[in-house]
């Protein structure tokens, strides 16, 4: 389902709408570009823009830099058995993901059919975020936690991407203390921008140089 949304007066709009489909906290940056939205993880995600062509966006991505607000959902898994529980549901060995690193992870049926894919961030030894695609996977993940000393819950974290050849120039400008000392492909780091703490990861799905930031 795709549709167009326009800005409403402050405090306007039905409460049912706000409860069932949450807009990205930075949606005000997209509204001037006449966006069309779809629903993704019960969140509003822009699909295209009325006054920016797909071709223009493509070349901005390949030659310069773009900012995209996405609808991925970050589920938190934490506790002494977090690693063991995740090894039960994912196909790649989570014990090989060091603190400060990310991993592309798949959850599959017993016969190999894929349930969900996403990026796993290891924030601490017993604390992870899983940035999943569209679906109620976080509910299934919580069901798999029975018997493990672990908490699984949906966070209020939102994800945006800065992608393109100039993406690292942007990071150097917006990070209060400049570029992280170590920020390799699939690394994560904690930075402050404008005095606000955010988690960043050297990831993205554009096949370009880029990074993502997680904030709540």
C-alpha atoms as a PDB file:
ATOM      1  CA  UNK A   1       0.000   0.000   0.000  1.00  0.00           C
ATOM      2  CA  UNK A   2       1.478   3.354  -1.079  1.00  0.00           C
ATOM      3  CA  UNK A   3       0.029   6.775  -0.411  1.00  0.00           C
ATOM      4  CA  UNK A   4       0.886  10.438  -0.175  1.00  0.00           C
ATOM      5  CA  UNK A   5       1.036  12.252   3.150  1.00  0.00           C
ATOM      6  CA  UNK A   6       1.056  15.998   3.650  1.00  0.00           C
ATOM      7  CA  UNK A   7       2.081  17.941   6.756  1.00  0.00           C
ATOM      8  CA  UNK A   8      -0.739  18.592   9.233  1.00  0.00           C
ATOM      9  CA  UNK A   9      -1.090  21.509  11.654  1.00  0.00           C
ATOM     10  CA  UNK A  10       0.710  21.060  14.943  1.00  0.00           C
ATOM     11  CA  UNK A  11      -1.175  18.524  17.021  1.00  0.00           C
ATOM     12  CA  UNK A  12      -3.430  17.617  14.092  1.00  0.00           C
ATOM     13  CA  UNK A  13      -4.202  14.193  12.686  1.00  0.00           C
ATOM     14  CA  UNK A  14      -6.138  11.315  14.222  1.00  0.00           C
ATOM     15  CA  UNK A  15      -4.529   9.541  17.172  1.00  0.00           C
ATOM     16  CA  UNK A  16      -5.243   6.180  15.524  1.00  0.00           C
ATOM     17  CA  UNK A  17      -2.925   7.131  12.676  1.00  0.00           C
ATOM     18  CA  UNK A  18      -0.074   8.042  15.002  1.00  0.00           C
ATOM     19  CA  UNK A  19      -0.427   4.790  16.922  1.00  0.00           C
ATOM     20  CA  UNK A  20      -0.556   2.437  13.938  1.00  0.00           C
ATOM     21  CA  UNK A  21       1.953   4.009  11.517  1.00  0.00           C
ATOM     22  CA  UNK A  22       4.763   6.021  13.030  1.00  0.00           C
ATOM     23  CA  UNK A  23       6.621   8.543  10.878  1.00  0.00           C
ATOM     24  CA  UNK A  24      10.387   8.795  11.138  1.00  0.00           C
ATOM     25  CA  UNK A  25      11.435  11.473  13.679  1.00  0.00           C
ATOM     26  CA  UNK A  26      13.237  13.313  10.858  1.00  0.00           C
ATOM     27  CA  UNK A  27      10.353  13.128   8.380  1.00  0.00           C
ATOM     28  CA  UNK A  28      10.214  16.943   8.293  1.00  0.00           C
ATOM     29  CA  UNK A  29      13.327  16.794   6.100  1.00  0.00           C
ATOM     30  CA  UNK A  30      11.435  14.785   3.479  1.00  0.00           C
ATOM     31  CA  UNK A  31       8.064  16.560   3.391  1.00  0.00           C
ATOM     32  CA  UNK A  32       9.244  19.500   1.224  1.00  0.00           C
ATOM     33  CA  UNK A  33      10.115  16.974  -1.513  1.00  0.00           C
ATOM     34  CA  UNK A  34       6.526  15.696  -1.907  1.00  0.00           C
ATOM     35  CA  UNK A  35       7.190  12.107  -0.773  1.00  0.00           C
ATOM     36  CA  UNK A  36       5.093   9.009  -1.335  1.00  0.00           C
ATOM     37  CA  UNK A  37       5.099   6.743   1.699  1.00  0.00           C
ATOM     38  CA  UNK A  38       4.603   3.042   2.246  1.00  0.00           C
ATOM     39  CA  UNK A  39       4.245   1.083   5.490  1.00  0.00           C
ATOM     40  CA  UNK A  40       7.327  -0.836   6.644  1.00  0.00           C
ATOM     41  CA  UNK A  41       7.523  -2.424  10.098  1.00  0.00           C
ATOM     42  CA  UNK A  42       4.437  -0.414  11.067  1.00  0.00           C
ATOM     43  CA  UNK A  43       6.446   2.704  10.234  1.00  0.00           C
ATOM     44  CA  UNK A  44       6.123   5.181   7.391  1.00  0.00           C
ATOM     45  CA  UNK A  45       8.961   4.934   4.900  1.00  0.00           C
ATOM     46  CA  UNK A  46       9.399   7.208   1.892  1.00  0.00           C
ATOM     47  CA  UNK A  47       9.406   5.391  -1.449  1.00  0.00           C
ATOM     48  CA  UNK A  48       9.961   8.259  -3.870  1.00  0.00           C
ATOM     49  CA  UNK A  49       9.645  12.023  -4.144  1.00  0.00           C
ATOM     50  CA  UNK A  50       7.368  14.080  -6.345  1.00  0.00           C
ATOM     51  CA  UNK A  51       9.934  16.776  -7.113  1.00  0.00           C
ATOM     52  CA  UNK A  52      13.099  14.620  -7.259  1.00  0.00           C
ATOM     53  CA  UNK A  53      13.415  12.038 -10.020  1.00  0.00           C
ATOM     54  CA  UNK A  54      14.692   8.519  -9.404  1.00  0.00           C
ATOM     55  CA  UNK A  55      17.481   9.171 -11.904  1.00  0.00           C
ATOM     56  CA  UNK A  56      18.600  12.277 -10.039  1.00  0.00           C
ATOM     57  CA  UNK A  57      18.626  10.375  -6.745  1.00  0.00           C
ATOM     58  CA  UNK A  58      20.651   7.591  -8.354  1.00  0.00           C
ATOM     59  CA  UNK A  59      23.363   9.914  -9.626  1.00  0.00           C
ATOM     60  CA  UNK A  60      23.478  11.843  -6.363  1.00  0.00           C
ATOM     61  CA  UNK A  61      24.122   8.516  -4.639  1.00  0.00           C
ATOM     62  CA  UNK A  62      26.822   7.446  -7.102  1.00  0.00           C
ATOM     63  CA  UNK A  63      28.590  10.791  -7.401  1.00  0.00           C
ATOM     64  CA  UNK A  64      27.895  12.734  -4.202  1.00  0.00           C
ATOM     65  CA  UNK A  65      25.941  11.731  -1.084  1.00  0.00           C
ATOM     66  CA  UNK A  66      22.354  11.100   0.006  1.00  0.00           C
ATOM     67  CA  UNK A  67      20.546  10.920   3.344  1.00  0.00           C
ATOM     68  CA  UNK A  68      17.809   8.282   3.578  1.00  0.00           C
ATOM     69  CA  UNK A  69      15.481   7.637   6.516  1.00  0.00           C
ATOM     70  CA  UNK A  70      14.608   3.943   6.573  1.00  0.00           C
ATOM     71  CA  UNK A  71      12.060   1.740   8.322  1.00  0.00           C
ATOM     72  CA  UNK A  72      14.228  -1.061   9.680  1.00  0.00           C
ATOM     73  CA  UNK A  73      13.324  -2.141  13.207  1.00  0.00           C
ATOM     74  CA  UNK A  74      16.040  -2.565  15.841  1.00  0.00           C
ATOM     75  CA  UNK A  75      15.306  -5.387  18.286  1.00  0.00           C
ATOM     76  CA  UNK A  76      17.487  -5.597  21.397  1.00  0.00           C
ATOM     77  CA  UNK A  77      18.719  -8.935  22.730  1.00  0.00           C
ATOM     78  CA  UNK A  78      20.594  -8.792  26.019  1.00  0.00           C
ATOM     79  CA  UNK A  79      21.548 -11.024  28.910  1.00  0.00           C
ATOM     80  CA  UNK A  80      24.082 -13.730  29.836  1.00  0.00           C
ATOM     81  CA  UNK A  81      22.643 -16.155  27.256  1.00  0.00           C
ATOM     82  CA  UNK A  82      22.249 -13.630  24.426  1.00  0.00           C
ATOM     83  CA  UNK A  83      24.998 -15.134  22.274  1.00  0.00           C
ATOM     84  CA  UNK A  84      23.804 -18.711  22.814  1.00  0.00           C
ATOM     85  CA  UNK A  85      20.217 -17.785  22.034  1.00  0.00           C
ATOM     86  CA  UNK A  86      21.192 -15.964  18.826  1.00  0.00           C
ATOM     87  CA  UNK A  87      23.296 -18.926  17.722  1.00  0.00           C
ATOM     88  CA  UNK A  88      20.130 -20.974  17.970  1.00  0.00           C
ATOM     89  CA  UNK A  89      18.225 -18.802  15.497  1.00  0.00           C
ATOM     90  CA  UNK A  90      20.886 -17.484  13.094  1.00  0.00           C
ATOM     91  CA  UNK A  91      22.873 -19.430  10.503  1.00  0.00           C
ATOM     92  CA  UNK A  92      26.241 -17.718  11.091  1.00  0.00           C
ATOM     93  CA  UNK A  93      28.334 -18.154  14.239  1.00  0.00           C
ATOM     94  CA  UNK A  94      27.568 -15.186  16.489  1.00  0.00           C
ATOM     95  CA  UNK A  95      30.544 -15.968  18.746  1.00  0.00           C
ATOM     96  CA  UNK A  96      32.805 -14.756  15.925  1.00  0.00           C
ATOM     97  CA  UNK A  97      31.228 -11.289  16.016  1.00  0.00           C
ATOM     98  CA  UNK A  98      33.408  -9.220  18.312  1.00  0.00           C
ATOM     99  CA  UNK A  99      32.164  -6.293  20.409  1.00  0.00           C
ATOM    100  CA  UNK A 100      32.160  -3.253  18.144  1.00  0.00           C
ATOM    101  CA  UNK A 101      31.434  -5.259  15.008  1.00  0.00           C
ATOM    102  CA  UNK A 102      28.364  -6.024  12.891  1.00  0.00           C
ATOM    103  CA  UNK A 103      27.349  -9.155  11.018  1.00  0.00           C
ATOM    104  CA  UNK A 104      24.872  -9.893   8.250  1.00  0.00           C
ATOM    105  CA  UNK A 105      22.657 -12.595   9.743  1.00  0.00           C
ATOM    106  CA  UNK A 106      19.950 -14.888   8.379  1.00  0.00           C
ATOM    107  CA  UNK A 107      17.260 -16.764  10.260  1.00  0.00           C
ATOM    108  CA  UNK A 108      16.108 -19.857   8.370  1.00  0.00           C
ATOM    109  CA  UNK A 109      13.634 -22.703   8.577  1.00  0.00           C
ATOM    110  CA  UNK A 110      15.022 -26.189   9.195  1.00  0.00           C
ATOM    111  CA  UNK A 111      14.891 -26.890   5.446  1.00  0.00           C
ATOM    112  CA  UNK A 112      16.883 -23.755   4.637  1.00  0.00           C
ATOM    113  CA  UNK A 113      14.075 -21.394   3.657  1.00  0.00           C
ATOM    114  CA  UNK A 114      14.791 -17.852   4.817  1.00  0.00           C
ATOM    115  CA  UNK A 115      12.651 -16.268   7.542  1.00  0.00           C
ATOM    116  CA  UNK A 116      14.446 -12.926   7.869  1.00  0.00           C
ATOM    117  CA  UNK A 117      17.713 -11.196   7.090  1.00  0.00           C
ATOM    118  CA  UNK A 118      19.262  -8.191   8.756  1.00  0.00           C
ATOM    119  CA  UNK A 119      22.321  -6.705  10.411  1.00  0.00           C
ATOM    120  CA  UNK A 120      23.368  -7.760  13.909  1.00  0.00           C
ATOM    121  CA  UNK A 121      25.288  -5.199  15.979  1.00  0.00           C
ATOM    122  CA  UNK A 122      27.283  -6.383  18.980  1.00  0.00           C
ATOM    123  CA  UNK A 123      27.215  -3.432  21.374  1.00  0.00           C
ATOM    124  CA  UNK A 124      28.650  -5.316  24.366  1.00  0.00           C
ATOM    125  CA  UNK A 125      29.491  -8.909  25.250  1.00  0.00           C
ATOM    126  CA  UNK A 126      25.892  -9.635  26.231  1.00  0.00           C
ATOM    127  CA  UNK A 127      24.005  -6.907  24.342  1.00  0.00           C
ATOM    128  CA  UNK A 128      22.977  -6.915  20.670  1.00  0.00           C
ATOM    129  CA  UNK A 129      20.746  -5.011  18.268  1.00  0.00           C
ATOM    130  CA  UNK A 130      19.238  -6.746  15.249  1.00  0.00           C
ATOM    131  CA  UNK A 131      18.153  -4.387  12.466  1.00  0.00           C
ATOM    132  CA  UNK A 132      15.539  -6.442  10.655  1.00  0.00           C
ATOM    133  CA  UNK A 133      13.584  -6.055   7.447  1.00  0.00           C
ATOM    134  CA  UNK A 134       9.819  -5.751   7.224  1.00  0.00           C
ATOM    135  CA  UNK A 135       7.785  -8.193   9.326  1.00  0.00           C
ATOM    136  CA  UNK A 136       6.974  -9.384  12.832  1.00  0.00           C
ATOM    137  CA  UNK A 137      10.246 -11.266  13.229  1.00  0.00           C
ATOM    138  CA  UNK A 138      10.959  -9.644  16.594  1.00  0.00           C
ATOM    139  CA  UNK A 139       7.890 -11.418  18.020  1.00  0.00           C
ATOM    140  CA  UNK A 140       9.124 -14.799  16.748  1.00  0.00           C
ATOM    141  CA  UNK A 141      12.598 -14.006  18.099  1.00  0.00           C
ATOM    142  CA  UNK A 142      11.173 -13.377  21.539  1.00  0.00           C
ATOM    143  CA  UNK A 143       9.400 -16.746  21.409  1.00  0.00           C
ATOM    144  CA  UNK A 144      12.753 -18.438  20.763  1.00  0.00           C
ATOM    145  CA  UNK A 145      14.192 -16.986  23.975  1.00  0.00           C
ATOM    146  CA  UNK A 146      12.362 -19.426  26.254  1.00  0.00           C
ATOM    147  CA  UNK A 147      14.864 -21.310  28.392  1.00  0.00           C
ATOM    148  CA  UNK A 148      17.574 -18.675  27.980  1.00  0.00           C
ATOM    149  CA  UNK A 149      18.587 -16.011  30.488  1.00  0.00           C
ATOM    150  CA  UNK A 150      17.945 -13.191  28.052  1.00  0.00           C
ATOM    151  CA  UNK A 151      15.633 -10.244  27.340  1.00  0.00           C
ATOM    152  CA  UNK A 152      14.278  -9.610  23.833  1.00  0.00           C
ATOM    153  CA  UNK A 153      12.349  -6.421  23.136  1.00  0.00           C
ATOM    154  CA  UNK A 154      11.521  -3.921  20.419  1.00  0.00           C
ATOM    155  CA  UNK A 155      13.444  -0.672  20.863  1.00  0.00           C
ATOM    156  CA  UNK A 156      12.408   2.873  20.006  1.00  0.00           C
ATOM    157  CA  UNK A 157      15.570   3.227  17.926  1.00  0.00           C
ATOM    158  CA  UNK A 158      15.316   4.688  14.406  1.00  0.00           C
ATOM    159  CA  UNK A 159      17.774   4.171  11.568  1.00  0.00           C
ATOM    160  CA  UNK A 160      18.967   6.493   8.810  1.00  0.00           C
ATOM    161  CA  UNK A 161      21.639   6.099   6.139  1.00  0.00           C
ATOM    162  CA  UNK A 162      24.271   8.449   4.732  1.00  0.00           C
ATOM    163  CA  UNK A 163      25.496   6.881   1.494  1.00  0.00           C
ATOM    164  CA  UNK A 164      27.714   7.885  -1.418  1.00  0.00           C
ATOM    165  CA  UNK A 165      31.344   8.789  -2.212  1.00  0.00           C
ATOM    166  CA  UNK A 166      31.209  11.850   0.063  1.00  0.00           C
ATOM    167  CA  UNK A 167      29.557  10.064   3.000  1.00  0.00           C
ATOM    168  CA  UNK A 168      32.730   9.991   5.100  1.00  0.00           C
ATOM    169  CA  UNK A 169      33.208  13.727   4.557  1.00  0.00           C
ATOM    170  CA  UNK A 170      29.743  14.207   6.047  1.00  0.00           C
ATOM    171  CA  UNK A 171      30.626  12.006   9.025  1.00  0.00           C
ATOM    172  CA  UNK A 172      33.798  13.997   9.679  1.00  0.00           C
ATOM    173  CA  UNK A 173      31.721  17.191   9.712  1.00  0.00           C
ATOM    174  CA  UNK A 174      28.822  16.052  11.896  1.00  0.00           C
ATOM    175  CA  UNK A 175      30.745  14.031  14.510  1.00  0.00           C
ATOM    176  CA  UNK A 176      31.591  16.337  17.402  1.00  0.00           C
ATOM    177  CA  UNK A 177      35.043  14.757  17.751  1.00  0.00           C
ATOM    178  CA  UNK A 178      35.639  14.022  14.069  1.00  0.00           C
ATOM    179  CA  UNK A 179      35.933  10.635  12.404  1.00  0.00           C
ATOM    180  CA  UNK A 180      36.151   7.610  14.708  1.00  0.00           C
ATOM    181  CA  UNK A 181      39.734   6.382  14.980  1.00  0.00           C
ATOM    182  CA  UNK A 182      38.702   2.939  13.745  1.00  0.00           C
ATOM    183  CA  UNK A 183      35.746   2.564  11.394  1.00  0.00           C
ATOM    184  CA  UNK A 184      36.219  -0.323   8.981  1.00  0.00           C
ATOM    185  CA  UNK A 185      33.546  -2.007   6.895  1.00  0.00           C
ATOM    186  CA  UNK A 186      30.986  -3.551   9.292  1.00  0.00           C
ATOM    187  CA  UNK A 187      32.461  -1.759  12.308  1.00  0.00           C
ATOM    188  CA  UNK A 188      30.215   0.135  14.705  1.00  0.00           C
ATOM    189  CA  UNK A 189      31.102   3.135  16.826  1.00  0.00           C
ATOM    190  CA  UNK A 190      29.542   5.495  19.336  1.00  0.00           C
ATOM    191  CA  UNK A 191      29.778   9.194  18.558  1.00  0.00           C
ATOM    192  CA  UNK A 192      28.185  12.459  19.591  1.00  0.00           C
ATOM    193  CA  UNK A 193      26.653  14.762  17.014  1.00  0.00           C
ATOM    194  CA  UNK A 194      25.279  18.094  18.143  1.00  0.00           C
ATOM    195  CA  UNK A 195      25.855  16.862  21.688  1.00  0.00           C
ATOM    196  CA  UNK A 196      23.564  13.866  21.172  1.00  0.00           C
ATOM    197  CA  UNK A 197      24.900  10.287  21.450  1.00  0.00           C
ATOM    198  CA  UNK A 198      24.272   7.999  18.472  1.00  0.00           C
ATOM    199  CA  UNK A 199      25.491   4.602  17.326  1.00  0.00           C
ATOM    200  CA  UNK A 200      26.885   4.460  13.804  1.00  0.00           C
ATOM    201  CA  UNK A 201      27.730   1.438  11.663  1.00  0.00           C
ATOM    202  CA  UNK A 202      29.755   1.132   8.487  1.00  0.00           C
ATOM    203  CA  UNK A 203      26.879  -0.542   6.669  1.00  0.00           C
ATOM    204  CA  UNK A 204      24.140   0.148   4.126  1.00  0.00           C
ATOM    205  CA  UNK A 205      22.341  -1.483   1.217  1.00  0.00           C
ATOM    206  CA  UNK A 206      23.336   0.831  -1.673  1.00  0.00           C
ATOM    207  CA  UNK A 207      26.604  -0.893  -2.702  1.00  0.00           C
ATOM    208  CA  UNK A 208      28.310   2.456  -2.107  1.00  0.00           C
ATOM    209  CA  UNK A 209      30.602   3.879   0.532  1.00  0.00           C
ATOM    210  CA  UNK A 210      28.405   4.820   3.471  1.00  0.00           C
ATOM    211  CA  UNK A 211      27.296   4.508   7.052  1.00  0.00           C
ATOM    212  CA  UNK A 212      24.112   4.269   9.095  1.00  0.00           C
ATOM    213  CA  UNK A 213      23.156   5.951  12.343  1.00  0.00           C
ATOM    214  CA  UNK A 214      20.900   4.639  15.101  1.00  0.00           C
ATOM    215  CA  UNK A 215      19.151   7.003  17.471  1.00  0.00           C
ATOM    216  CA  UNK A 216      16.146   7.089  19.768  1.00  0.00           C
END
